[in-house]
């Protein structure tokens, strides 16, 4: 029996919506693009035209459209909480770009609101839906690298042009919220609950921008596994992680935003030497959209899947870690004095 596709309204015309999410929503059979909103109705019309859907010039109108079942929120992070809450209160399921908010307690309140109303709320962390990470987990679980001792991850992109929203503090800009979320979420994905911040550095660049443009974070688990995470907005591109154990290590390049047609390569070093494990291509964007749509249809029957609880737990642990780093970094950006005891900030 066929299931009617989830009709999604898109709240804003951000680059990620136009390049990745809208094409995926139109391509997978589980979803349909119902409407696109922008505060500039001409922009909404241009974005909506390839999908033959409604163009709306007001966010509040879109979240109340009766034929929209779910809302995708790709707005700047500072606007997430307001519009996620508005959509939930209008009875819509929500898929929101990461991070969900910059305040863990606000995120908790939004997840609680979604549960009370029987709605699905997801933070759009797409890389966890790529099959390469399940393959890495199997290698670790099979003991290929021995007992896990440390996790290293990095995500950085070249310098953003002046005026880019990722450099505007009022919109929630900065490296931590934009690219730091990837290695932090990867640490959560592989190391799980119990992670704590052991040290952190966030730096502002020499051009006087009012946001952090680079950072390094050290996390630890209760049993002593460490995670060293690097990220930035003014770097040569890098997107990778490595799990290092007592008997070897496994490294993943193009870890966080691989093209759908790329064949992932896992580099494994163990007692037998170095080898490469080549995997089939996978489309993490389509996988994410499908998983969200299936969760929505499950919620329609009053049966939100266990995956919803796991996604919420991961999102909130990530939120707590990011907030702990940010609190210390606020002092560092104000005083520019590194400390070498406890958490470090510069």
Protein backbone atom coordinates (compact mmCIF):
# COMPACT_ATOMS: atom_id res chain seq x y z
CA UNK A 1 0.00 0.00 0.00
CA UNK A 2 1.45 3.37 -0.99
CA UNK A 3 1.86 6.07 1.64
CA UNK A 4 0.96 9.65 0.83
CA UNK A 5 4.14 11.76 0.73
CA UNK A 6 4.75 14.22 3.56
CA UNK A 7 4.05 17.73 2.30
CA UNK A 8 6.87 20.02 3.43
CA UNK A 9 7.01 23.80 3.59
CA UNK A 10 10.47 25.37 3.41
CA UNK A 11 11.00 28.37 5.66
CA UNK A 12 13.65 30.43 3.86
CA UNK A 13 15.77 30.16 0.73
CA UNK A 14 19.20 29.50 2.21
CA UNK A 15 21.92 27.97 0.06
CA UNK A 16 21.63 24.56 1.72
CA UNK A 17 17.90 24.54 0.99
CA UNK A 18 18.33 25.42 -2.68
CA UNK A 19 21.35 23.21 -3.41
CA UNK A 20 20.67 20.11 -1.36
CA UNK A 21 17.44 19.83 0.57
CA UNK A 22 14.85 20.98 -1.96
CA UNK A 23 16.18 18.68 -4.72
CA UNK A 24 16.20 15.76 -2.27
CA UNK A 25 12.67 16.48 -1.05
CA UNK A 26 11.46 16.56 -4.64
CA UNK A 27 13.32 13.38 -5.61
CA UNK A 28 12.39 10.94 -2.84
CA UNK A 29 8.92 9.46 -3.01
CA UNK A 30 8.26 9.94 0.71
CA UNK A 31 8.14 13.75 0.51
CA UNK A 32 6.69 16.54 -1.59
CA UNK A 33 7.62 20.24 -1.61
CA UNK A 34 4.39 22.07 -0.81
CA UNK A 35 5.52 25.67 -0.34
CA UNK A 36 8.56 27.92 -0.06
CA UNK A 37 8.62 31.10 2.02
CA UNK A 38 10.92 34.10 1.89
CA UNK A 39 10.54 37.63 3.20
CA UNK A 40 11.17 38.58 -0.43
CA UNK A 41 8.28 37.07 -2.36
CA UNK A 42 10.22 37.25 -5.66
CA UNK A 43 12.98 35.12 -4.12
CA UNK A 44 10.36 32.68 -2.89
CA UNK A 45 8.83 32.51 -6.37
CA UNK A 46 12.17 31.84 -8.07
CA UNK A 47 13.02 29.14 -5.55
CA UNK A 48 9.59 27.51 -5.74
CA UNK A 49 9.30 27.53 -9.55
CA UNK A 50 11.30 24.33 -10.31
CA UNK A 51 9.08 22.40 -7.89
CA UNK A 52 5.72 23.75 -9.02
CA UNK A 53 4.80 24.67 -5.48
CA UNK A 54 3.37 27.70 -3.71
CA UNK A 55 5.52 30.77 -3.03
CA UNK A 56 4.80 32.64 0.21
CA UNK A 57 6.11 36.04 1.25
CA UNK A 58 5.64 35.58 4.99
CA UNK A 59 7.05 32.97 7.40
CA UNK A 60 4.01 33.12 9.68
CA UNK A 61 1.73 32.34 6.76
CA UNK A 62 3.71 29.28 5.73
CA UNK A 63 3.69 27.64 9.17
CA UNK A 64 -0.12 27.86 9.27
CA UNK A 65 -0.89 26.58 5.76
CA UNK A 66 -3.37 23.71 6.20
CA UNK A 67 -1.84 21.56 3.46
CA UNK A 68 1.69 21.74 4.95
CA UNK A 69 2.40 18.80 7.28
CA UNK A 70 6.01 19.56 8.09
CA UNK A 71 8.30 22.57 8.03
CA UNK A 72 12.00 22.62 7.14
CA UNK A 73 13.89 25.50 8.81
CA UNK A 74 17.19 26.53 7.13
CA UNK A 75 17.20 30.04 8.62
CA UNK A 76 20.20 31.53 10.46
CA UNK A 77 20.63 29.81 13.81
CA UNK A 78 19.55 32.87 15.82
CA UNK A 79 16.08 32.55 14.24
CA UNK A 80 15.65 28.81 14.75
CA UNK A 81 14.02 28.80 18.19
CA UNK A 82 11.33 31.33 17.27
CA UNK A 83 10.23 29.62 14.08
CA UNK A 84 10.63 26.04 15.25
CA UNK A 85 8.33 26.87 18.15
CA UNK A 86 5.86 28.65 15.86
CA UNK A 87 5.73 25.63 13.55
CA UNK A 88 5.25 23.16 16.42
CA UNK A 89 2.47 25.28 17.93
CA UNK A 90 0.81 25.30 14.51
CA UNK A 91 0.82 21.50 14.57
CA UNK A 92 3.64 20.97 12.10
CA UNK A 93 6.47 18.46 12.30
CA UNK A 94 9.86 20.17 12.02
CA UNK A 95 13.24 19.47 10.48
CA UNK A 96 15.59 22.29 11.51
CA UNK A 97 19.14 23.01 10.47
CA UNK A 98 21.88 22.47 13.00
CA UNK A 99 22.34 23.53 15.65
CA UNK A 100 18.70 23.49 16.68
CA UNK A 101 19.32 26.49 18.97
CA UNK A 102 22.28 28.05 20.78
CA UNK A 103 20.69 27.42 24.21
CA UNK A 104 20.41 23.83 25.50
CA UNK A 105 17.44 24.67 27.73
CA UNK A 106 15.56 26.21 24.81
CA UNK A 107 16.30 23.08 22.77
CA UNK A 108 14.99 20.90 25.60
CA UNK A 109 11.82 22.97 25.75
CA UNK A 110 11.27 22.57 22.00
CA UNK A 111 11.73 18.80 22.12
CA UNK A 112 9.33 18.65 25.08
CA UNK A 113 6.77 20.70 23.14
CA UNK A 114 7.07 18.35 20.16
CA UNK A 115 6.53 15.30 22.38
CA UNK A 116 3.48 16.82 24.07
CA UNK A 117 1.92 17.46 20.68
CA UNK A 118 2.87 14.10 19.18
CA UNK A 119 5.06 15.76 16.55
CA UNK A 120 8.47 14.95 15.13
CA UNK A 121 11.32 17.42 15.72
CA UNK A 122 14.66 16.68 14.11
CA UNK A 123 17.94 18.54 13.96
CA UNK A 124 19.25 18.20 10.40
CA UNK A 125 22.56 16.42 10.98
CA UNK A 126 22.85 14.59 7.68
CA UNK A 127 26.22 12.87 7.91
CA UNK A 128 25.03 10.41 10.58
CA UNK A 129 22.71 8.93 7.92
CA UNK A 130 25.59 7.98 5.58
CA UNK A 131 26.40 4.27 5.47
CA UNK A 132 30.16 4.82 5.80
CA UNK A 133 29.83 5.59 9.52
CA UNK A 134 27.96 2.36 10.18
CA UNK A 135 30.81 0.55 8.41
CA UNK A 136 33.33 2.29 10.67
CA UNK A 137 31.32 1.30 13.75
CA UNK A 138 31.31 -2.34 12.63
CA UNK A 139 35.11 -2.31 12.30
CA UNK A 140 35.45 -0.91 15.80
CA UNK A 141 32.89 -3.30 17.28
CA UNK A 142 34.67 -6.23 15.60
CA UNK A 143 37.88 -5.30 17.43
CA UNK A 144 39.86 -4.43 14.30
CA UNK A 145 41.59 -1.51 16.05
CA UNK A 146 41.58 -3.05 19.54
CA UNK A 147 40.31 -1.01 22.46
CA UNK A 148 39.43 2.54 21.48
CA UNK A 149 41.79 5.11 22.97
CA UNK A 150 41.11 8.37 21.13
CA UNK A 151 39.03 10.09 18.47
CA UNK A 152 40.29 12.93 16.26
CA UNK A 153 38.04 14.94 13.93
CA UNK A 154 38.36 18.09 11.84
CA UNK A 155 36.04 20.15 9.69
CA UNK A 156 37.14 23.43 8.15
CA UNK A 157 36.38 25.50 5.07
CA UNK A 158 38.13 28.39 3.28
CA UNK A 159 37.67 32.00 4.37
CA UNK A 160 34.14 33.36 4.17
CA UNK A 161 33.63 36.69 2.38
CA UNK A 162 32.83 39.76 4.45
CA UNK A 163 29.08 40.00 4.98
CA UNK A 164 28.54 36.24 4.98
CA UNK A 165 25.84 35.45 7.57
CA UNK A 166 28.22 33.01 9.24
CA UNK A 167 30.27 36.02 10.31
CA UNK A 168 27.35 38.02 11.76
CA UNK A 169 27.12 37.57 15.55
CA UNK A 170 23.49 38.75 15.74
CA UNK A 171 22.51 35.84 13.46
CA UNK A 172 24.36 33.23 15.49
CA UNK A 173 27.50 33.31 13.36
CA UNK A 174 30.89 31.86 14.18
CA UNK A 175 32.95 28.76 13.57
CA UNK A 176 31.62 26.87 16.59
CA UNK A 177 27.97 27.00 15.52
CA UNK A 178 28.68 26.60 11.79
CA UNK A 179 31.47 24.02 11.40
CA UNK A 180 32.31 23.05 14.98
CA UNK A 181 29.01 21.25 15.29
CA UNK A 182 30.23 18.54 12.85
CA UNK A 183 33.21 17.17 14.82
CA UNK A 184 31.33 17.61 18.10
CA UNK A 185 28.39 15.59 16.76
CA UNK A 186 30.80 12.98 15.38
CA UNK A 187 32.31 12.57 18.85
CA UNK A 188 28.81 12.18 20.28
CA UNK A 189 27.97 9.66 17.54
CA UNK A 190 30.93 7.40 18.29
CA UNK A 191 31.63 8.00 21.98
CA UNK A 192 28.10 8.52 23.28
CA UNK A 193 26.85 9.82 26.61
CA UNK A 194 29.26 10.89 29.33
CA UNK A 195 31.38 13.20 27.18
CA UNK A 196 32.68 16.29 28.96
CA UNK A 197 34.72 19.30 27.85
CA UNK A 198 38.29 18.99 29.16
CA UNK A 199 39.70 22.00 27.28
CA UNK A 200 38.79 24.42 24.53
CA UNK A 201 40.20 27.27 22.47
CA UNK A 202 38.15 29.59 20.27
CA UNK A 203 39.93 32.34 18.36
CA UNK A 204 38.88 35.43 16.46
CA UNK A 205 40.86 36.20 13.33
CA UNK A 206 43.22 39.10 12.74
CA UNK A 207 40.67 40.99 10.63
CA UNK A 208 38.64 42.07 13.65
CA UNK A 209 35.53 40.02 12.92
CA UNK A 210 33.28 39.82 15.96
CA UNK A 211 32.85 36.04 15.86
CA UNK A 212 35.12 33.07 16.40
CA UNK A 213 36.62 31.82 13.15
CA UNK A 214 38.53 28.80 14.47
CA UNK A 215 38.56 26.46 17.40
CA UNK A 216 39.94 23.35 19.05
CA UNK A 217 38.13 21.29 21.66
CA UNK A 218 39.27 18.45 23.88
CA UNK A 219 36.58 16.10 25.17
CA UNK A 220 36.86 13.06 27.40
CA UNK A 221 34.66 10.16 28.39
CA UNK A 222 34.28 8.83 31.92
CA UNK A 223 36.58 5.91 31.09
CA UNK A 224 39.35 8.08 29.68
CA UNK A 225 38.82 8.07 25.91
CA UNK A 226 39.79 11.47 24.55
CA UNK A 227 38.44 13.38 21.55
CA UNK A 228 40.47 16.13 19.88
CA UNK A 229 38.35 18.29 17.56
CA UNK A 230 39.45 21.12 15.21
CA UNK A 231 37.31 23.42 13.06
CA UNK A 232 37.44 26.74 11.28
CA UNK A 233 36.16 29.18 8.67
CA UNK A 234 39.55 30.35 7.37
CA UNK A 235 41.39 27.15 6.47
CA UNK A 236 42.24 24.80 3.65
CA UNK A 237 39.28 22.45 3.32
CA UNK A 238 39.30 19.41 5.57
CA UNK A 239 36.56 16.96 6.53
CA UNK A 240 37.88 13.90 8.35
CA UNK A 241 37.98 11.80 11.48
CA UNK A 242 40.07 8.97 12.92
CA UNK A 243 39.44 6.38 15.60
CA UNK A 244 42.67 5.15 17.21
CA UNK A 245 42.87 2.05 19.34
CA UNK A 246 45.35 -0.26 21.00
CA UNK A 247 45.82 -2.35 17.85
CA UNK A 248 45.28 0.08 14.97
CA UNK A 249 43.25 2.93 13.61
CA UNK A 250 40.63 3.72 10.97
CA UNK A 251 40.56 7.03 9.11
CA UNK A 252 37.74 8.58 7.06
CA UNK A 253 38.24 11.46 4.62
CA UNK A 254 35.31 13.41 3.15
CA UNK A 255 33.56 12.41 6.35
CA UNK A 256 30.85 15.03 6.73
CA UNK A 257 29.67 16.24 3.30
CA UNK A 258 30.51 13.55 0.74
CA UNK A 259 28.88 13.80 -2.71
CA UNK A 260 26.21 11.17 -3.30
CA UNK A 261 28.22 9.56 -6.10
CA UNK A 262 31.47 9.29 -4.14
CA UNK A 263 32.74 5.83 -3.21
CA UNK A 264 33.91 6.21 0.40
CA UNK A 265 37.32 4.83 1.28
CA UNK A 266 38.12 3.77 4.84
CA UNK A 267 41.86 3.59 5.55
CA UNK A 268 42.55 0.86 8.10
CA UNK A 269 45.90 0.35 9.83
CA UNK A 270 46.28 -2.74 12.00
CA UNK A 271 48.76 -5.54 12.72
CA UNK A 272 48.49 -6.70 9.13
CA UNK A 273 49.55 -3.35 7.68
CA UNK A 274 47.57 -0.69 5.85
CA UNK A 275 44.55 -1.44 3.68
CA UNK A 276 41.68 0.43 2.12
CA UNK A 277 38.05 -0.56 2.42
CA UNK A 278 36.08 0.83 -0.53
CA UNK A 279 32.34 1.21 0.04
CA UNK A 280 29.38 1.78 -2.23
CA UNK A 281 28.21 5.37 -2.78
CA UNK A 282 25.45 6.60 -0.51
CA UNK A 283 23.26 9.70 -0.47
CA UNK A 284 23.09 11.10 3.05
CA UNK A 285 20.75 13.93 2.05
CA UNK A 286 18.12 11.59 0.59
CA UNK A 287 18.56 9.23 3.54
CA UNK A 288 17.94 12.09 5.97
CA UNK A 289 14.78 13.22 4.18
CA UNK A 290 13.44 9.65 4.02
CA UNK A 291 14.11 9.03 7.71
CA UNK A 292 12.34 12.24 8.69
CA UNK A 293 9.33 11.43 6.50
CA UNK A 294 9.04 7.91 7.88
CA UNK A 295 9.20 9.25 11.43
CA UNK A 296 6.39 11.69 10.59
CA UNK A 297 4.22 8.89 9.21
CA UNK A 298 4.94 6.77 12.31
CA UNK A 299 3.93 9.72 14.51
CA UNK A 300 0.67 9.93 12.58
CA UNK A 301 -0.20 6.51 14.05
CA UNK A 302 0.87 7.56 17.55
CA UNK A 303 4.06 5.48 17.36
CA UNK A 304 7.12 7.73 17.26
CA UNK A 305 10.08 5.36 16.71
CA UNK A 306 12.97 4.77 19.10
CA UNK A 307 15.18 6.60 16.61
CA UNK A 308 13.43 9.81 17.68
CA UNK A 309 14.62 9.33 21.26
CA UNK A 310 18.17 8.61 20.11
CA UNK A 311 18.18 11.67 17.85
CA UNK A 312 16.93 13.87 20.70
CA UNK A 313 19.50 12.49 23.14
CA UNK A 314 22.34 13.13 20.68
CA UNK A 315 21.09 16.63 19.86
CA UNK A 316 20.88 17.61 23.52
CA UNK A 317 24.29 16.18 24.43
CA UNK A 318 25.73 18.08 21.48
CA UNK A 319 23.93 21.24 22.64
CA UNK A 320 25.35 20.92 26.16
CA UNK A 321 28.90 20.46 24.86
CA UNK A 322 28.67 23.40 22.44
CA UNK A 323 27.25 25.65 25.15
CA UNK A 324 30.01 24.70 27.59
CA UNK A 325 32.65 25.60 25.02
CA UNK A 326 30.84 28.82 24.10
CA UNK A 327 30.54 30.01 27.70
CA UNK A 328 34.28 29.87 28.18
CA UNK A 329 34.98 31.31 24.75
CA UNK A 330 32.93 34.40 25.52
CA UNK A 331 35.48 35.24 28.22
CA UNK A 332 38.33 34.53 25.84
CA UNK A 333 37.01 36.81 23.11
CA UNK A 334 36.59 39.58 25.64
CA UNK A 335 39.98 39.33 27.32
CA UNK A 336 42.30 37.62 24.78
CA UNK A 337 44.26 35.97 27.59
CA UNK A 338 45.04 32.26 27.31
CA UNK A 339 44.92 30.21 30.46
CA UNK A 340 46.84 26.98 30.91
CA UNK A 341 44.90 25.50 33.81
CA UNK A 342 41.57 23.84 33.22
CA UNK A 343 39.82 25.05 30.08
CA UNK A 344 41.89 27.29 27.80
CA UNK A 345 40.63 30.24 25.85
CA UNK A 346 42.42 32.71 23.60
